Amino acid sequence: MTETFKRYEKKYLLSPEKFNILIEGMAPYLTADAYSTYTVCNLYYDTPDYRLIRMSLEKPVYKEKLRLRSYGIPGAKDSVFLELKKKYKGIVYKRRIALTLEAFRRGEFPEEQIPQEIAWFMQMYHNPMPVVYLAYDREAFSGSQDIGLRVTFDRNIRWRDQLLDLSKGCWGTPLLGNEVLMEVKIPSAMPLWMCRLLSQYEIYPVSFSKYGTCYRNCLSQQRKEIVTCA
């Protein structure tokens, strides 16, 4: 299975108090996903010198990243998603393929366009490898009346740079405190009711990347130590 997405994404960091107020205000306009709350697990790919995330943090007009994602801890026969995510002039393009973890490990990819794009990406960046694991507990909603609207709330964001295998558990070191990361994903303009709620509660968008925050707060220091030792 292959999937493509094209949308705008806005991110907001919420205190527990702001989250409780906002979720109550949004309730009439949102419908919970079928699975509502679940754990998202990711392996982010990069070069040994973290070239991809360093370029991304410079906020270029165009940037891209590759990750392997699962929903919960996968077994060999469970589905994982290899995702190539690009951002150009504020628009996010996500292209992904679904396959079993077993097939991924054996390198059995379908003969389709998206795997070819991923292969080109791997060649372009000299075969990046998994460098960090990131997981979080997510509540997801879609717009009851607004087609294409998706709102997610991520808590308990954690990371590790060892045992980089999705099947090795969803444990890790906390990345944030008790803040909740809200992501609003829309095909075009934000609904008016949401604009009003965000303005009413003085909630403003932030530039936030889970992997970027992990790199700045943790991995960059490790890299400096390695360079210094060398």
C-alpha atoms as a PDB file:
ATOM      1  CA  MET A   1       0.000   0.000   0.000  1.00  0.00           C
ATOM      2  CA  THR A   2       1.250   3.471  -0.849  1.00  0.00           C
ATOM      3  CA  GLU A   3      -0.085   6.772   0.406  1.00  0.00           C
ATOM      4  CA  THR A   4       0.549  10.428  -0.343  1.00  0.00           C
ATOM      5  CA  PHE A   5      -0.381  13.510   1.638  1.00  0.00           C
ATOM      6  CA  LYS A   6      -0.208  17.207   0.829  1.00  0.00           C
ATOM      7  CA  ARG A   7      -1.169  19.660   3.562  1.00  0.00           C
ATOM      8  CA  TYR A   8      -0.240  22.499   5.864  1.00  0.00           C
ATOM      9  CA  GLU A   9       0.837  21.625   9.385  1.00  0.00           C
ATOM     10  CA  LYS A  10       0.783  23.968  12.375  1.00  0.00           C
ATOM     11  CA  LYS A  11       2.245  23.058  15.764  1.00  0.00           C
ATOM     12  CA  TYR A  12       1.431  24.357  19.241  1.00  0.00           C
ATOM     13  CA  LEU A  13       2.930  23.550  22.644  1.00  0.00           C
ATOM     14  CA  LEU A  14       0.241  23.470  25.309  1.00  0.00           C
ATOM     15  CA  SER A  15       0.428  23.446  29.070  1.00  0.00           C
ATOM     16  CA  PRO A  16      -1.870  20.861  30.704  1.00  0.00           C
ATOM     17  CA  GLU A  17      -4.206  23.700  31.670  1.00  0.00           C
ATOM     18  CA  LYS A  18      -4.390  25.095  28.128  1.00  0.00           C
ATOM     19  CA  PHE A  19      -4.902  21.593  26.757  1.00  0.00           C
ATOM     20  CA  ASN A  20      -7.881  20.932  29.024  1.00  0.00           C
ATOM     21  CA  ILE A  21      -9.515  24.239  28.104  1.00  0.00           C
ATOM     22  CA  LEU A  22      -8.873  23.849  24.388  1.00  0.00           C
ATOM     23  CA  ILE A  23     -10.010  20.249  24.053  1.00  0.00           C
ATOM     24  CA  GLU A  24     -13.284  21.188  25.715  1.00  0.00           C
ATOM     25  CA  GLY A  25     -13.774  24.098  23.314  1.00  0.00           C
ATOM     26  CA  MET A  26     -12.958  21.925  20.283  1.00  0.00           C
ATOM     27  CA  ALA A  27     -15.199  19.031  21.292  1.00  0.00           C
ATOM     28  CA  PRO A  28     -18.272  20.117  19.263  1.00  0.00           C
ATOM     29  CA  TYR A  29     -16.199  20.344  16.081  1.00  0.00           C
ATOM     30  CA  LEU A  30     -14.088  17.170  16.251  1.00  0.00           C
ATOM     31  CA  THR A  31     -14.624  13.428  16.019  1.00  0.00           C
ATOM     32  CA  ALA A  32     -12.186  11.015  17.660  1.00  0.00           C
ATOM     33  CA  ASP A  33     -10.346   8.593  15.391  1.00  0.00           C
ATOM     34  CA  ALA A  34     -11.430   4.961  15.491  1.00  0.00           C
ATOM     35  CA  TYR A  35      -8.417   4.122  17.642  1.00  0.00           C
ATOM     36  CA  SER A  36      -8.429   7.550  19.359  1.00  0.00           C
ATOM     37  CA  THR A  37      -5.368   7.042  21.591  1.00  0.00           C
ATOM     38  CA  TYR A  38      -2.345   5.045  20.455  1.00  0.00           C
ATOM     39  CA  THR A  39       1.451   5.026  20.568  1.00  0.00           C
ATOM     40  CA  VAL A  40       3.429   6.226  17.558  1.00  0.00           C
ATOM     41  CA  CYS A  41       6.962   4.810  17.225  1.00  0.00           C
ATOM     42  CA  ASN A  42       9.559   6.209  14.802  1.00  0.00           C
ATOM     43  CA  LEU A  43      13.093   5.596  13.654  1.00  0.00           C
ATOM     44  CA  TYR A  44      14.667   8.687  12.081  1.00  0.00           C
ATOM     45  CA  TYR A  45      17.348   8.212   9.448  1.00  0.00           C
ATOM     46  CA  ASP A  46      20.363  10.491   9.074  1.00  0.00           C
ATOM     47  CA  THR A  47      24.036  10.575   8.192  1.00  0.00           C
ATOM     48  CA  PRO A  48      26.728   9.948  10.835  1.00  0.00           C
ATOM     49  CA  ASP A  49      27.263  13.726  11.162  1.00  0.00           C
ATOM     50  CA  TYR A  50      23.499  14.444  11.339  1.00  0.00           C
ATOM     51  CA  ARG A  51      23.569  16.305   8.047  1.00  0.00           C
ATOM     52  CA  LEU A  52      19.814  16.070   7.423  1.00  0.00           C
ATOM     53  CA  ILE A  53      18.650  17.466  10.742  1.00  0.00           C
ATOM     54  CA  ARG A  54      21.337  20.181  10.747  1.00  0.00           C
ATOM     55  CA  MET A  55      20.131  21.351   7.346  1.00  0.00           C
ATOM     56  CA  SER A  56      16.515  21.210   8.506  1.00  0.00           C
ATOM     57  CA  LEU A  57      17.206  23.380  11.560  1.00  0.00           C
ATOM     58  CA  GLU A  58      18.566  26.087   9.277  1.00  0.00           C
ATOM     59  CA  LYS A  59      14.978  26.469   7.989  1.00  0.00           C
ATOM     60  CA  PRO A  60      15.623  26.160   4.252  1.00  0.00           C
ATOM     61  CA  VAL A  61      12.869  26.656   1.685  1.00  0.00           C
ATOM     62  CA  TYR A  62      12.997  22.919   0.953  1.00  0.00           C
ATOM     63  CA  LYS A  63      13.829  20.103   3.337  1.00  0.00           C
ATOM     64  CA  GLU A  64      13.228  16.381   3.580  1.00  0.00           C
ATOM     65  CA  LYS A  65      13.576  13.490   6.004  1.00  0.00           C
ATOM     66  CA  LEU A  66      13.127   9.746   6.101  1.00  0.00           C
ATOM     67  CA  ARG A  67      11.641   7.714   8.941  1.00  0.00           C
ATOM     68  CA  LEU A  68      10.261   4.273   9.650  1.00  0.00           C
ATOM     69  CA  ARG A  69       7.019   4.340  11.650  1.00  0.00           C
ATOM     70  CA  SER A  70       4.829   1.855  13.466  1.00  0.00           C
ATOM     71  CA  TYR A  71       1.738   2.150  15.590  1.00  0.00           C
ATOM     72  CA  GLY A  72       2.625   0.309  18.761  1.00  0.00           C
ATOM     73  CA  ILE A  73       5.454  -2.212  19.030  1.00  0.00           C
ATOM     74  CA  PRO A  74       5.433  -4.277  15.824  1.00  0.00           C
ATOM     75  CA  GLY A  75       5.990  -7.975  15.435  1.00  0.00           C
ATOM     76  CA  ALA A  76       7.523  -9.486  12.312  1.00  0.00           C
ATOM     77  CA  LYS A  77       4.153  -9.786  10.548  1.00  0.00           C
ATOM     78  CA  ASP A  78       2.856  -6.351  11.592  1.00  0.00           C
ATOM     79  CA  SER A  79       2.790  -3.327   9.306  1.00  0.00           C
ATOM     80  CA  VAL A  80       5.388  -0.569   9.374  1.00  0.00           C
ATOM     81  CA  PHE A  81       5.447   2.563   7.247  1.00  0.00           C
ATOM     82  CA  LEU A  82       8.510   3.900   5.479  1.00  0.00           C
ATOM     83  CA  GLU A  83       7.889   7.618   5.045  1.00  0.00           C
ATOM     84  CA  LEU A  84       9.627  10.246   2.963  1.00  0.00           C
ATOM     85  CA  LYS A  85       8.504  13.636   4.245  1.00  0.00           C
ATOM     86  CA  LYS A  86       9.233  16.847   2.362  1.00  0.00           C
ATOM     87  CA  LYS A  87       8.419  20.461   3.107  1.00  0.00           C
ATOM     88  CA  TYR A  88       8.480  23.209   0.511  1.00  0.00           C
ATOM     89  CA  LYS A  89       7.373  26.794   1.184  1.00  0.00           C
ATOM     90  CA  GLY A  90       5.309  25.732   4.168  1.00  0.00           C
ATOM     91  CA  ILE A  91       3.500  22.857   2.432  1.00  0.00           C
ATOM     92  CA  VAL A  92       4.169  19.346   3.729  1.00  0.00           C
ATOM     93  CA  TYR A  93       4.292  16.440   1.284  1.00  0.00           C
ATOM     94  CA  LYS A  94       4.366  12.974   2.814  1.00  0.00           C
ATOM     95  CA  ARG A  95       4.828   9.854   0.733  1.00  0.00           C
ATOM     96  CA  ARG A  96       4.868   6.448   2.351  1.00  0.00           C
ATOM     97  CA  ILE A  97       4.655   2.738   1.741  1.00  0.00           C
ATOM     98  CA  ALA A  98       3.298   0.080   4.064  1.00  0.00           C
ATOM     99  CA  LEU A  99       4.916  -3.317   4.400  1.00  0.00           C
ATOM    100  CA  THR A 100       5.499  -5.857   7.134  1.00  0.00           C
ATOM    101  CA  LEU A 101       8.471  -5.450   9.440  1.00  0.00           C
ATOM    102  CA  GLU A 102       9.735  -8.787   8.160  1.00  0.00           C
ATOM    103  CA  ALA A 103       9.577  -7.606   4.530  1.00  0.00           C
ATOM    104  CA  PHE A 104      11.310  -4.345   5.442  1.00  0.00           C
ATOM    105  CA  ARG A 105      14.177  -6.197   7.101  1.00  0.00           C
ATOM    106  CA  ARG A 106      14.592  -8.366   4.020  1.00  0.00           C
ATOM    107  CA  GLY A 107      14.506  -5.324   1.745  1.00  0.00           C
ATOM    108  CA  GLU A 108      11.413  -6.520  -0.107  1.00  0.00           C
ATOM    109  CA  PHE A 109       9.924  -3.307  -1.463  1.00  0.00           C
ATOM    110  CA  PRO A 110       7.165  -3.057  -4.091  1.00  0.00           C
ATOM    111  CA  GLU A 111       8.056  -1.972  -7.621  1.00  0.00           C
ATOM    112  CA  GLU A 112       6.356   1.406  -7.389  1.00  0.00           C
ATOM    113  CA  GLN A 113       7.159   5.095  -7.622  1.00  0.00           C
ATOM    114  CA  ILE A 114       7.541   5.876  -3.925  1.00  0.00           C
ATOM    115  CA  PRO A 115      10.131   3.140  -3.217  1.00  0.00           C
ATOM    116  CA  GLN A 116      12.102   4.494  -6.172  1.00  0.00           C
ATOM    117  CA  GLU A 117      12.020   7.979  -4.630  1.00  0.00           C
ATOM    118  CA  ILE A 118      13.207   6.544  -1.326  1.00  0.00           C
ATOM    119  CA  ALA A 119      16.015   4.691  -3.107  1.00  0.00           C
ATOM    120  CA  TRP A 120      17.082   7.962  -4.734  1.00  0.00           C
ATOM    121  CA  PHE A 121      17.043   9.660  -1.321  1.00  0.00           C
ATOM    122  CA  MET A 122      19.233   6.906   0.145  1.00  0.00           C
ATOM    123  CA  GLN A 123      21.707   7.248  -2.732  1.00  0.00           C
ATOM    124  CA  MET A 124      21.721  11.048  -2.501  1.00  0.00           C
ATOM    125  CA  TYR A 125      22.672  11.001   1.189  1.00  0.00           C
ATOM    126  CA  HIS A 126      25.000   7.981   0.984  1.00  0.00           C
ATOM    127  CA  ASN A 127      22.728   5.479   2.725  1.00  0.00           C
ATOM    128  CA  PRO A 128      21.698   7.190   5.964  1.00  0.00           C
ATOM    129  CA  MET A 129      21.031   4.890   8.899  1.00  0.00           C
ATOM    130  CA  PRO A 130      18.682   5.019  11.901  1.00  0.00           C
ATOM    131  CA  VAL A 131      20.142   7.450  14.435  1.00  0.00           C
ATOM    132  CA  VAL A 132      17.335   8.079  16.914  1.00  0.00           C
ATOM    133  CA  TYR A 133      14.145   6.439  18.123  1.00  0.00           C
ATOM    134  CA  LEU A 134      11.200   8.681  19.062  1.00  0.00           C
ATOM    135  CA  ALA A 135       7.853   7.584  20.485  1.00  0.00           C
ATOM    136  CA  TYR A 136       4.829   9.374  21.881  1.00  0.00           C
ATOM    137  CA  ASP A 137       1.262   8.721  22.966  1.00  0.00           C
ATOM    138  CA  ARG A 138      -1.205  10.339  20.579  1.00  0.00           C
ATOM    139  CA  GLU A 139      -4.853  11.334  20.682  1.00  0.00           C
ATOM    140  CA  ALA A 140      -6.181  11.947  17.183  1.00  0.00           C
ATOM    141  CA  PHE A 141      -9.279  13.675  15.861  1.00  0.00           C
ATOM    142  CA  SER A 142     -10.761  14.640  12.513  1.00  0.00           C
ATOM    143  CA  GLY A 143     -13.102  17.496  11.704  1.00  0.00           C
ATOM    144  CA  SER A 144     -16.775  16.623  12.133  1.00  0.00           C
ATOM    145  CA  GLN A 145     -17.729  19.061   9.355  1.00  0.00           C
ATOM    146  CA  ASP A 146     -14.352  20.222   8.032  1.00  0.00           C
ATOM    147  CA  ILE A 147     -13.151  17.770   5.394  1.00  0.00           C
ATOM    148  CA  GLY A 148      -9.418  17.118   5.584  1.00  0.00           C
ATOM    149  CA  LEU A 149      -8.953  18.631   9.048  1.00  0.00           C
ATOM    150  CA  ARG A 150      -6.906  16.505  11.437  1.00  0.00           C
ATOM    151  CA  VAL A 151      -5.862  17.458  14.973  1.00  0.00           C
ATOM    152  CA  THR A 152      -3.457  15.391  17.078  1.00  0.00           C
ATOM    153  CA  PHE A 153      -2.197  15.738  20.634  1.00  0.00           C
ATOM    154  CA  ASP A 154       1.122  14.096  21.541  1.00  0.00           C
ATOM    155  CA  ARG A 155       2.218  13.445  25.135  1.00  0.00           C
ATOM    156  CA  ASN A 156       5.066  11.634  26.815  1.00  0.00           C
ATOM    157  CA  ILE A 157       7.502  12.197  23.940  1.00  0.00           C
ATOM    158  CA  ARG A 158      10.572  10.044  24.569  1.00  0.00           C
ATOM    159  CA  TRP A 159      13.738   9.162  22.698  1.00  0.00           C
ATOM    160  CA  ARG A 160      16.755   6.877  22.659  1.00  0.00           C
ATOM    161  CA  ASP A 161      19.823   6.409  20.480  1.00  0.00           C
ATOM    162  CA  GLN A 162      20.401   2.735  21.262  1.00  0.00           C
ATOM    163  CA  LEU A 163      18.531  -0.446  20.315  1.00  0.00           C
ATOM    164  CA  LEU A 164      17.330   1.301  17.173  1.00  0.00           C
ATOM    165  CA  ASP A 165      14.714  -1.262  16.282  1.00  0.00           C
ATOM    166  CA  LEU A 166      10.956  -0.675  16.433  1.00  0.00           C
ATOM    167  CA  SER A 167      10.429  -4.148  17.902  1.00  0.00           C
ATOM    168  CA  LYS A 168      12.618  -3.434  20.956  1.00  0.00           C
ATOM    169  CA  GLY A 169       9.953  -1.580  22.933  1.00  0.00           C
ATOM    170  CA  CYS A 170       8.642   1.985  23.107  1.00  0.00           C
ATOM    171  CA  TRP A 171      10.788   3.139  26.037  1.00  0.00           C
ATOM    172  CA  GLY A 172      13.091   6.160  26.076  1.00  0.00           C
ATOM    173  CA  THR A 173      14.227   9.298  27.869  1.00  0.00           C
ATOM    174  CA  PRO A 174      11.587  12.061  28.189  1.00  0.00           C
ATOM    175  CA  LEU A 175      12.088  14.889  25.691  1.00  0.00           C
ATOM    176  CA  LEU A 176       9.653  17.428  27.141  1.00  0.00           C
ATOM    177  CA  GLY A 177       8.099  18.034  30.517  1.00  0.00           C
ATOM    178  CA  ASN A 178       4.341  17.770  30.875  1.00  0.00           C
ATOM    179  CA  GLU A 179       3.608  19.886  27.807  1.00  0.00           C
ATOM    180  CA  VAL A 180       1.326  18.566  25.082  1.00  0.00           C
ATOM    181  CA  LEU A 181       2.230  19.011  21.420  1.00  0.00           C
ATOM    182  CA  MET A 182      -0.799  19.818  19.277  1.00  0.00           C
ATOM    183  CA  GLU A 183      -0.538  19.496  15.505  1.00  0.00           C
ATOM    184  CA  VAL A 184      -3.213  20.914  13.224  1.00  0.00           C
ATOM    185  CA  LYS A 185      -3.141  19.422   9.726  1.00  0.00           C
ATOM    186  CA  ILE A 186      -5.239  21.148   7.091  1.00  0.00           C
ATOM    187  CA  PRO A 187      -5.494  21.013   3.288  1.00  0.00           C
ATOM    188  CA  SER A 188      -5.879  24.797   3.016  1.00  0.00           C
ATOM    189  CA  ALA A 189      -7.196  27.518   5.353  1.00  0.00           C
ATOM    190  CA  MET A 190      -7.794  26.880   9.047  1.00  0.00           C
ATOM    191  CA  PRO A 191     -11.484  26.769  10.048  1.00  0.00           C
ATOM    192  CA  LEU A 192     -12.798  30.015  11.489  1.00  0.00           C
ATOM    193  CA  TRP A 193     -13.982  28.374  14.716  1.00  0.00           C
ATOM    194  CA  MET A 194     -10.464  27.113  15.386  1.00  0.00           C
ATOM    195  CA  CYS A 195      -8.932  30.533  14.701  1.00  0.00           C
ATOM    196  CA  ARG A 196     -11.321  32.024  17.233  1.00  0.00           C
ATOM    197  CA  LEU A 197     -10.512  29.440  19.897  1.00  0.00           C
ATOM    198  CA  LEU A 198      -6.762  29.809  19.471  1.00  0.00           C
ATOM    199  CA  SER A 199      -7.051  33.595  19.637  1.00  0.00           C
ATOM    200  CA  GLN A 200      -9.375  33.487  22.646  1.00  0.00           C
ATOM    201  CA  TYR A 201      -6.968  31.356  24.672  1.00  0.00           C
ATOM    202  CA  GLU A 202      -3.826  33.088  23.335  1.00  0.00           C
ATOM    203  CA  ILE A 203      -2.392  29.931  21.809  1.00  0.00           C
ATOM    204  CA  TYR A 204       0.184  30.633  19.112  1.00  0.00           C
ATOM    205  CA  PRO A 205       2.031  28.412  16.627  1.00  0.00           C
ATOM    206  CA  VAL A 206       5.610  27.393  17.303  1.00  0.00           C
ATOM    207  CA  SER A 207       8.420  26.062  15.183  1.00  0.00           C
ATOM    208  CA  PHE A 208       8.928  22.634  16.722  1.00  0.00           C
ATOM    209  CA  SER A 209      10.458  19.406  15.507  1.00  0.00           C
ATOM    210  CA  LYS A 210      10.643  16.342  17.743  1.00  0.00           C
ATOM    211  CA  TYR A 211      13.811  15.097  16.074  1.00  0.00           C
ATOM    212  CA  GLY A 212      15.192  18.648  15.878  1.00  0.00           C
ATOM    213  CA  THR A 213      14.607  19.205  19.603  1.00  0.00           C
ATOM    214  CA  CYS A 214      16.224  15.855  20.358  1.00  0.00           C
ATOM    215  CA  TYR A 215      19.255  16.836  18.276  1.00  0.00           C
ATOM    216  CA  ARG A 216      19.629  20.312  19.801  1.00  0.00           C
ATOM    217  CA  ASN A 217      19.119  19.197  23.395  1.00  0.00           C
ATOM    218  CA  CYS A 218      20.932  15.877  23.361  1.00  0.00           C
ATOM    219  CA  LEU A 219      22.598  14.592  20.202  1.00  0.00           C
ATOM    220  CA  SER A 220      24.479  17.762  19.236  1.00  0.00           C
ATOM    221  CA  GLN A 221      26.385  17.699  22.523  1.00  0.00           C
ATOM    222  CA  GLN A 222      27.359  14.078  21.936  1.00  0.00           C
ATOM    223  CA  ARG A 223      28.550  15.023  18.451  1.00  0.00           C
ATOM    224  CA  LYS A 224      30.683  17.864  19.869  1.00  0.00           C
ATOM    225  CA  GLU A 225      32.280  15.452  22.323  1.00  0.00           C
ATOM    226  CA  ILE A 226      33.090  12.976  19.541  1.00  0.00           C
ATOM    227  CA  VAL A 227      34.598  15.710  17.350  1.00  0.00           C
ATOM    228  CA  THR A 228      36.643  17.024  20.285  1.00  0.00           C
ATOM    229  CA  CYS A 229      37.960  13.538  21.092  1.00  0.00           C
ATOM    230  CA  ALA A 230      38.880  12.998  17.464  1.00  0.00           C
END
